[in-house]
Amino acid sequence: MRDIARKTGDATIVSAMIGMGNSLKLRVGTEGVGTREQLAFLQAEHCEEGQDFYFSPPVDAEVFAELLGAVNTEYVVNWQLAGVL
């Protein structure tokens, strides 16, 4: 995901994988979302979920449980439901 918006070959492969999953009616997600640019690319390709440092640094189990129980716009796990961007 690092240079996905700048490397056309990488972008083509990722787009194809997302498209294949979507055409099979699978929920498509990715790991390694670190920038707004990467998030925008994935959203444009209809990738439904993502995770990594753009949304939250690693947290321990107790903090994660708190995040799940609270409305917290700083930590978004599913950007389709949350409407990020």
C-alpha atoms as a PDB file:
ATOM      1  CA  MET A   1       0.000   0.000   0.000  1.00  0.00           C
ATOM      2  CA  ARG A   2       2.937   2.339   0.539  1.00  0.00           C
ATOM      3  CA  ASP A   3       3.081   3.891  -2.960  1.00  0.00           C
ATOM      4  CA  ILE A   4      -0.219   2.642  -4.325  1.00  0.00           C
ATOM      5  CA  ALA A   5      -1.334   6.000  -5.697  1.00  0.00           C
ATOM      6  CA  ARG A   6       1.969   6.545  -7.531  1.00  0.00           C
ATOM      7  CA  LYS A   7       2.843   3.068  -8.836  1.00  0.00           C
ATOM      8  CA  THR A   8       0.457   2.177 -11.638  1.00  0.00           C
ATOM      9  CA  GLY A   9       1.437  -1.514 -11.699  1.00  0.00           C
ATOM     10  CA  ASP A  10       0.719  -1.908  -7.999  1.00  0.00           C
ATOM     11  CA  ALA A  11      -2.516   0.037  -8.336  1.00  0.00           C
ATOM     12  CA  THR A  12      -3.626  -2.206 -11.193  1.00  0.00           C
ATOM     13  CA  ILE A  13      -3.047  -5.346  -9.140  1.00  0.00           C
ATOM     14  CA  VAL A  14      -4.855  -3.963  -6.092  1.00  0.00           C
ATOM     15  CA  SER A  15      -7.760  -2.741  -8.250  1.00  0.00           C
ATOM     16  CA  ALA A  16      -8.058  -6.178  -9.863  1.00  0.00           C
ATOM     17  CA  MET A  17      -8.076  -7.933  -6.493  1.00  0.00           C
ATOM     18  CA  ILE A  18     -10.728  -5.593  -5.100  1.00  0.00           C
ATOM     19  CA  GLY A  19     -12.801  -5.970  -8.273  1.00  0.00           C
ATOM     20  CA  MET A  20     -12.573  -9.758  -8.132  1.00  0.00           C
ATOM     21  CA  GLY A  21     -13.709  -9.825  -4.520  1.00  0.00           C
ATOM     22  CA  ASN A  22     -16.582  -7.446  -5.223  1.00  0.00           C
ATOM     23  CA  SER A  23     -17.721  -9.430  -8.271  1.00  0.00           C
ATOM     24  CA  LEU A  24     -17.832 -12.540  -6.074  1.00  0.00           C
ATOM     25  CA  LYS A  25     -20.005 -10.595  -3.594  1.00  0.00           C
ATOM     26  CA  LEU A  26     -17.299 -10.791  -0.919  1.00  0.00           C
ATOM     27  CA  ARG A  27     -16.591  -8.085   1.607  1.00  0.00           C
ATOM     28  CA  VAL A  28     -13.244  -6.579   0.617  1.00  0.00           C
ATOM     29  CA  GLY A  29     -10.813  -5.114   3.145  1.00  0.00           C
ATOM     30  CA  THR A  30      -7.186  -4.105   3.221  1.00  0.00           C
ATOM     31  CA  GLU A  31      -4.373  -3.725   5.683  1.00  0.00           C
ATOM     32  CA  GLY A  32      -1.736  -1.040   5.449  1.00  0.00           C
ATOM     33  CA  VAL A  33      -3.773   2.159   5.148  1.00  0.00           C
ATOM     34  CA  GLY A  34      -1.387   4.835   6.331  1.00  0.00           C
ATOM     35  CA  THR A  35      -2.402   8.004   4.457  1.00  0.00           C
ATOM     36  CA  ARG A  36      -5.461   9.890   3.253  1.00  0.00           C
ATOM     37  CA  GLU A  37      -4.222   9.314  -0.305  1.00  0.00           C
ATOM     38  CA  GLN A  38      -4.279   5.534   0.186  1.00  0.00           C
ATOM     39  CA  LEU A  39      -7.728   5.714   1.763  1.00  0.00           C
ATOM     40  CA  ALA A  40      -9.074   7.780  -1.147  1.00  0.00           C
ATOM     41  CA  PHE A  41      -7.679   5.266  -3.657  1.00  0.00           C
ATOM     42  CA  LEU A  42      -9.273   2.329  -1.826  1.00  0.00           C
ATOM     43  CA  GLN A  43     -12.617   4.070  -1.512  1.00  0.00           C
ATOM     44  CA  ALA A  44     -12.596   4.904  -5.226  1.00  0.00           C
ATOM     45  CA  GLU A  45     -12.022   1.192  -5.896  1.00  0.00           C
ATOM     46  CA  HIS A  46     -14.960   0.236  -3.612  1.00  0.00           C
ATOM     47  CA  CYS A  47     -12.861  -1.403  -0.925  1.00  0.00           C
ATOM     48  CA  GLU A  48     -15.186  -1.641   2.062  1.00  0.00           C
ATOM     49  CA  GLU A  49     -12.843  -1.896   5.040  1.00  0.00           C
ATOM     50  CA  GLY A  50      -9.321  -1.038   6.031  1.00  0.00           C
ATOM     51  CA  GLN A  51      -6.994  -0.965   8.971  1.00  0.00           C
ATOM     52  CA  ASP A  52      -3.632   0.393  10.053  1.00  0.00           C
ATOM     53  CA  PHE A  53      -2.037   3.556  11.386  1.00  0.00           C
ATOM     54  CA  TYR A  54      -4.273   5.992   9.481  1.00  0.00           C
ATOM     55  CA  PHE A  55      -7.118   4.938  11.748  1.00  0.00           C
ATOM     56  CA  SER A  56      -5.328   4.060  14.974  1.00  0.00           C
ATOM     57  CA  PRO A  57      -1.936   3.127  16.347  1.00  0.00           C
ATOM     58  CA  PRO A  58      -1.799  -0.316  17.975  1.00  0.00           C
ATOM     59  CA  VAL A  59      -3.701  -0.384  21.269  1.00  0.00           C
ATOM     60  CA  ASP A  60      -3.975  -2.947  24.041  1.00  0.00           C
ATOM     61  CA  ALA A  61      -7.133  -4.978  24.644  1.00  0.00           C
ATOM     62  CA  GLU A  62      -8.543  -2.663  27.319  1.00  0.00           C
ATOM     63  CA  VAL A  63      -8.250   0.445  25.135  1.00  0.00           C
ATOM     64  CA  PHE A  64      -9.722  -1.458  22.181  1.00  0.00           C
ATOM     65  CA  ALA A  65     -12.730  -2.481  24.277  1.00  0.00           C
ATOM     66  CA  GLU A  66     -13.259   1.176  25.208  1.00  0.00           C
ATOM     67  CA  LEU A  67     -13.084   2.205  21.556  1.00  0.00           C
ATOM     68  CA  LEU A  68     -15.704  -0.371  20.613  1.00  0.00           C
ATOM     69  CA  GLY A  69     -18.031   0.933  23.300  1.00  0.00           C
ATOM     70  CA  ALA A  70     -17.677   4.626  22.475  1.00  0.00           C
ATOM     71  CA  VAL A  71     -18.479   6.879  19.557  1.00  0.00           C
ATOM     72  CA  ASN A  72     -15.004   8.064  18.668  1.00  0.00           C
ATOM     73  CA  THR A  73     -14.390   9.807  15.351  1.00  0.00           C
ATOM     74  CA  GLU A  74     -10.610   9.576  15.781  1.00  0.00           C
ATOM     75  CA  TYR A  75     -10.658   5.782  15.429  1.00  0.00           C
ATOM     76  CA  VAL A  76     -12.616   4.553  12.429  1.00  0.00           C
ATOM     77  CA  VAL A  77     -12.627   0.852  11.695  1.00  0.00           C
ATOM     78  CA  ASN A  78     -15.122   0.703   8.830  1.00  0.00           C
ATOM     79  CA  TRP A  79     -15.022   3.833   6.679  1.00  0.00           C
ATOM     80  CA  GLN A  80     -18.017   2.842   4.575  1.00  0.00           C
ATOM     81  CA  LEU A  81     -20.310   2.862   7.596  1.00  0.00           C
ATOM     82  CA  ALA A  82     -18.594   5.853   9.154  1.00  0.00           C
ATOM     83  CA  GLY A  83     -18.561   7.947   5.972  1.00  0.00           C
ATOM     84  CA  VAL A  84     -14.910   8.989   6.229  1.00  0.00           C
ATOM     85  CA  LEU A  85     -13.939  11.536   3.549  1.00  0.00           C
END
